[in-house]
Amino acid sequence: RNYAYPGTNAGDHAAGDIMYYDSGTATTIEGQVYYFNGSGSWTVANADAVADSTGMLAVALGTDPDVDGMLLRGFVTTADIAGTEDHGAKVYLSTTDGRITATAPGSGNVVRVLGYNLHNTNDSIYFNPDNTWVEVA
């Protein structure tokens, strides 16, 4: 496989594993993170609850998962990443709905590595969510 660097707009992607499915009528926001819920639809992910952060995650590539797709793994530009973005640094699911952060969440939240930062200013990452997670006491 060859991967090119993604564009600079939220939802831009060069290549990756993309799922085109939604059993419901989910509306998504480009560049934000969602989880595949028990009804077969997409719900915004958030590190402040186990149910919202530990399942299959994806980055929305548009507003309609059936048409635009959900990136399960690959190179993508996300919505604004909170914190200091450093090349190659880990990024985590944020306690803000659908967002990514450069700093691991603290007490009472779930820490899950989502991938690695590709650039220090344009919110591009290699999205490859770890299957493991930790709930911080």
C-alpha atoms as a PDB file:
ATOM      1  CA  ARG A   1       0.000   0.000   0.000  1.00  0.00           C
ATOM      2  CA  ASN A   2       1.029   3.553  -0.645  1.00  0.00           C
ATOM      3  CA  TYR A   3      -0.285   6.370   1.488  1.00  0.00           C
ATOM      4  CA  ALA A   4      -0.095  10.002   0.493  1.00  0.00           C
ATOM      5  CA  TYR A   5      -0.264  12.901   2.916  1.00  0.00           C
ATOM      6  CA  PRO A   6      -3.897  14.066   3.421  1.00  0.00           C
ATOM      7  CA  GLY A   7      -5.150  17.541   2.552  1.00  0.00           C
ATOM      8  CA  THR A   8      -5.571  20.278   5.133  1.00  0.00           C
ATOM      9  CA  ASN A   9      -9.391  20.346   5.465  1.00  0.00           C
ATOM     10  CA  ALA A  10     -11.238  18.281   8.088  1.00  0.00           C
ATOM     11  CA  GLY A  11     -12.222  14.944   6.574  1.00  0.00           C
ATOM     12  CA  ASP A  12      -9.516  15.012   3.876  1.00  0.00           C
ATOM     13  CA  HIS A  13      -7.924  11.598   3.505  1.00  0.00           C
ATOM     14  CA  ALA A  14      -5.425  10.049   1.143  1.00  0.00           C
ATOM     15  CA  ALA A  15      -6.017   6.336   1.675  1.00  0.00           C
ATOM     16  CA  GLY A  16      -7.209   3.956   4.318  1.00  0.00           C
ATOM     17  CA  ASP A  17      -9.854   1.493   5.405  1.00  0.00           C
ATOM     18  CA  ILE A  18     -13.252   3.117   4.866  1.00  0.00           C
ATOM     19  CA  MET A  19     -16.670   1.771   5.851  1.00  0.00           C
ATOM     20  CA  TYR A  20     -19.775   2.890   3.930  1.00  0.00           C
ATOM     21  CA  TYR A  21     -22.605   1.805   6.194  1.00  0.00           C
ATOM     22  CA  ASP A  22     -25.168   3.134   8.628  1.00  0.00           C
ATOM     23  CA  SER A  23     -28.317   1.230   9.586  1.00  0.00           C
ATOM     24  CA  GLY A  24     -29.848   4.416  10.987  1.00  0.00           C
ATOM     25  CA  THR A  25     -29.954   8.005   9.863  1.00  0.00           C
ATOM     26  CA  ALA A  26     -26.784   9.298  11.494  1.00  0.00           C
ATOM     27  CA  THR A  27     -25.536  12.727  10.519  1.00  0.00           C
ATOM     28  CA  THR A  28     -21.814  13.206  11.063  1.00  0.00           C
ATOM     29  CA  ILE A  29     -19.357  16.102  11.049  1.00  0.00           C
ATOM     30  CA  GLU A  30     -16.260  15.829   8.873  1.00  0.00           C
ATOM     31  CA  GLY A  31     -13.089  15.166  10.809  1.00  0.00           C
ATOM     32  CA  GLN A  32     -14.786  14.182  14.067  1.00  0.00           C
ATOM     33  CA  VAL A  33     -14.568  10.778  15.781  1.00  0.00           C
ATOM     34  CA  TYR A  34     -17.579   8.449  16.125  1.00  0.00           C
ATOM     35  CA  TYR A  35     -18.231   4.967  17.487  1.00  0.00           C
ATOM     36  CA  PHE A  36     -20.307   2.242  15.855  1.00  0.00           C
ATOM     37  CA  ASN A  37     -23.187   1.721  18.292  1.00  0.00           C
ATOM     38  CA  GLY A  38     -25.276  -1.354  19.114  1.00  0.00           C
ATOM     39  CA  SER A  39     -27.931  -0.320  16.599  1.00  0.00           C
ATOM     40  CA  GLY A  40     -25.480  -0.302  13.682  1.00  0.00           C
ATOM     41  CA  SER A  41     -25.319   3.465  13.475  1.00  0.00           C
ATOM     42  CA  TRP A  42     -22.701   6.099  14.311  1.00  0.00           C
ATOM     43  CA  THR A  43     -22.675   8.113  17.565  1.00  0.00           C
ATOM     44  CA  VAL A  44     -20.213  10.831  18.523  1.00  0.00           C
ATOM     45  CA  ALA A  45     -17.342   9.465  20.638  1.00  0.00           C
ATOM     46  CA  ASN A  46     -16.187  10.976  23.915  1.00  0.00           C
ATOM     47  CA  ALA A  47     -13.551   9.913  26.467  1.00  0.00           C
ATOM     48  CA  ASP A  48     -15.759  10.707  29.460  1.00  0.00           C
ATOM     49  CA  ALA A  49     -17.752   7.447  29.254  1.00  0.00           C
ATOM     50  CA  VAL A  50     -16.725   3.824  28.650  1.00  0.00           C
ATOM     51  CA  ALA A  51     -19.713   3.237  26.361  1.00  0.00           C
ATOM     52  CA  ASP A  52     -18.749   6.195  24.141  1.00  0.00           C
ATOM     53  CA  SER A  53     -15.057   5.418  23.761  1.00  0.00           C
ATOM     54  CA  THR A  54     -14.198   1.720  23.803  1.00  0.00           C
ATOM     55  CA  GLY A  55     -15.908   0.289  20.711  1.00  0.00           C
ATOM     56  CA  MET A  56     -15.070   0.529  17.017  1.00  0.00           C
ATOM     57  CA  LEU A  57     -14.076   4.110  16.217  1.00  0.00           C
ATOM     58  CA  ALA A  58     -13.923   5.990  12.920  1.00  0.00           C
ATOM     59  CA  VAL A  59     -13.356   9.499  11.583  1.00  0.00           C
ATOM     60  CA  ALA A  60     -16.245  10.955   9.577  1.00  0.00           C
ATOM     61  CA  LEU A  61     -15.319  11.820   5.997  1.00  0.00           C
ATOM     62  CA  GLY A  62     -18.496  13.801   5.424  1.00  0.00           C
ATOM     63  CA  THR A  63     -22.022  14.251   6.754  1.00  0.00           C
ATOM     64  CA  ASP A  64     -23.509  10.920   5.584  1.00  0.00           C
ATOM     65  CA  PRO A  65     -21.760   7.682   6.619  1.00  0.00           C
ATOM     66  CA  ASP A  66     -23.464   5.685   3.812  1.00  0.00           C
ATOM     67  CA  VAL A  67     -22.262   8.053   1.095  1.00  0.00           C
ATOM     68  CA  ASP A  68     -19.126   9.784   2.406  1.00  0.00           C
ATOM     69  CA  GLY A  69     -17.763   6.934   4.508  1.00  0.00           C
ATOM     70  CA  MET A  70     -16.163   6.491   7.899  1.00  0.00           C
ATOM     71  CA  LEU A  71     -12.376   6.064   8.059  1.00  0.00           C
ATOM     72  CA  LEU A  72     -11.528   3.088  10.281  1.00  0.00           C
ATOM     73  CA  ARG A  73      -7.762   3.398   9.753  1.00  0.00           C
ATOM     74  CA  GLY A  74      -5.545   5.581   7.607  1.00  0.00           C
ATOM     75  CA  PHE A  75      -4.206   9.081   7.023  1.00  0.00           C
ATOM     76  CA  VAL A  76      -6.760  11.826   7.644  1.00  0.00           C
ATOM     77  CA  THR A  77      -7.120  15.466   8.618  1.00  0.00           C
ATOM     78  CA  THR A  78      -9.308  15.799  11.697  1.00  0.00           C
ATOM     79  CA  ALA A  79     -11.240  18.584  13.350  1.00  0.00           C
ATOM     80  CA  ASP A  80      -9.068  20.785  15.580  1.00  0.00           C
ATOM     81  CA  ILE A  81      -6.708  18.802  17.832  1.00  0.00           C
ATOM     82  CA  ALA A  82      -6.515  20.183  21.373  1.00  0.00           C
ATOM     83  CA  GLY A  83      -3.113  20.723  22.961  1.00  0.00           C
ATOM     84  CA  THR A  84       0.374  20.967  21.522  1.00  0.00           C
ATOM     85  CA  GLU A  85       0.675  19.021  18.285  1.00  0.00           C
ATOM     86  CA  ASP A  86       4.120  17.502  17.733  1.00  0.00           C
ATOM     87  CA  HIS A  87       5.212  15.435  14.746  1.00  0.00           C
ATOM     88  CA  GLY A  88       4.943  11.725  15.577  1.00  0.00           C
ATOM     89  CA  ALA A  89       3.329  12.204  18.991  1.00  0.00           C
ATOM     90  CA  LYS A  90       0.435  10.034  20.167  1.00  0.00           C
ATOM     91  CA  VAL A  91      -3.070  11.497  19.992  1.00  0.00           C
ATOM     92  CA  TYR A  92      -5.997  10.497  22.208  1.00  0.00           C
ATOM     93  CA  LEU A  93      -9.763  10.617  22.251  1.00  0.00           C
ATOM     94  CA  SER A  94     -10.856  13.841  23.945  1.00  0.00           C
ATOM     95  CA  THR A  95     -13.498  14.527  26.587  1.00  0.00           C
ATOM     96  CA  THR A  96     -14.984  16.986  24.079  1.00  0.00           C
ATOM     97  CA  ASP A  97     -17.499  15.262  21.784  1.00  0.00           C
ATOM     98  CA  GLY A  98     -15.905  13.936  18.601  1.00  0.00           C
ATOM     99  CA  ARG A  99     -12.551  15.572  19.178  1.00  0.00           C
ATOM    100  CA  ILE A 100      -8.939  14.481  19.500  1.00  0.00           C
ATOM    101  CA  THR A 101      -6.370  15.732  21.981  1.00  0.00           C
ATOM    102  CA  ALA A 102      -2.600  15.665  22.265  1.00  0.00           C
ATOM    103  CA  THR A 103      -2.888  15.113  26.031  1.00  0.00           C
ATOM    104  CA  ALA A 104      -4.205  11.933  27.635  1.00  0.00           C
ATOM    105  CA  PRO A 105      -7.451  12.554  29.561  1.00  0.00           C
ATOM    106  CA  GLY A 106      -7.279  12.513  33.359  1.00  0.00           C
ATOM    107  CA  SER A 107      -9.200  11.099  36.299  1.00  0.00           C
ATOM    108  CA  GLY A 108     -12.643   9.627  35.608  1.00  0.00           C
ATOM    109  CA  ASN A 109     -12.042   9.382  31.854  1.00  0.00           C
ATOM    110  CA  VAL A 110     -11.001   6.744  29.336  1.00  0.00           C
ATOM    111  CA  VAL A 111      -7.525   6.923  27.822  1.00  0.00           C
ATOM    112  CA  ARG A 112      -7.374   5.469  24.332  1.00  0.00           C
ATOM    113  CA  VAL A 113      -4.604   6.106  21.825  1.00  0.00           C
ATOM    114  CA  LEU A 114      -6.127   6.978  18.442  1.00  0.00           C
ATOM    115  CA  GLY A 115      -2.926   7.170  16.425  1.00  0.00           C
ATOM    116  CA  TYR A 116      -0.083   9.551  15.728  1.00  0.00           C
ATOM    117  CA  ASN A 117       0.218  13.183  14.767  1.00  0.00           C
ATOM    118  CA  LEU A 118       1.663  13.852  11.295  1.00  0.00           C
ATOM    119  CA  HIS A 119       2.085  17.609  11.498  1.00  0.00           C
ATOM    120  CA  ASN A 120       2.388  20.234  14.215  1.00  0.00           C
ATOM    121  CA  THR A 121      -0.173  22.694  12.830  1.00  0.00           C
ATOM    122  CA  ASN A 122      -2.681  21.183  10.379  1.00  0.00           C
ATOM    123  CA  ASP A 123      -4.448  18.424  12.418  1.00  0.00           C
ATOM    124  CA  SER A 124      -3.341  15.566  10.136  1.00  0.00           C
ATOM    125  CA  ILE A 125      -2.927  12.185  11.825  1.00  0.00           C
ATOM    126  CA  TYR A 126      -2.374   8.520  11.148  1.00  0.00           C
ATOM    127  CA  PHE A 127      -5.652   7.203  12.587  1.00  0.00           C
ATOM    128  CA  ASN A 128      -5.183   3.689  13.956  1.00  0.00           C
ATOM    129  CA  PRO A 129      -7.158   3.342  17.221  1.00  0.00           C
ATOM    130  CA  ASP A 130      -5.631   0.995  19.749  1.00  0.00           C
ATOM    131  CA  ASN A 131      -7.943  -1.851  20.770  1.00  0.00           C
ATOM    132  CA  THR A 132      -6.942  -1.406  24.401  1.00  0.00           C
ATOM    133  CA  TRP A 133      -8.038   1.370  26.726  1.00  0.00           C
ATOM    134  CA  VAL A 134      -7.724   2.387  30.383  1.00  0.00           C
ATOM    135  CA  GLU A 135     -10.288   4.080  32.614  1.00  0.00           C
ATOM    136  CA  VAL A 136      -8.372   6.440  34.908  1.00  0.00           C
ATOM    137  CA  ALA A 137      -9.480   6.239  38.540  1.00  0.00           C
END
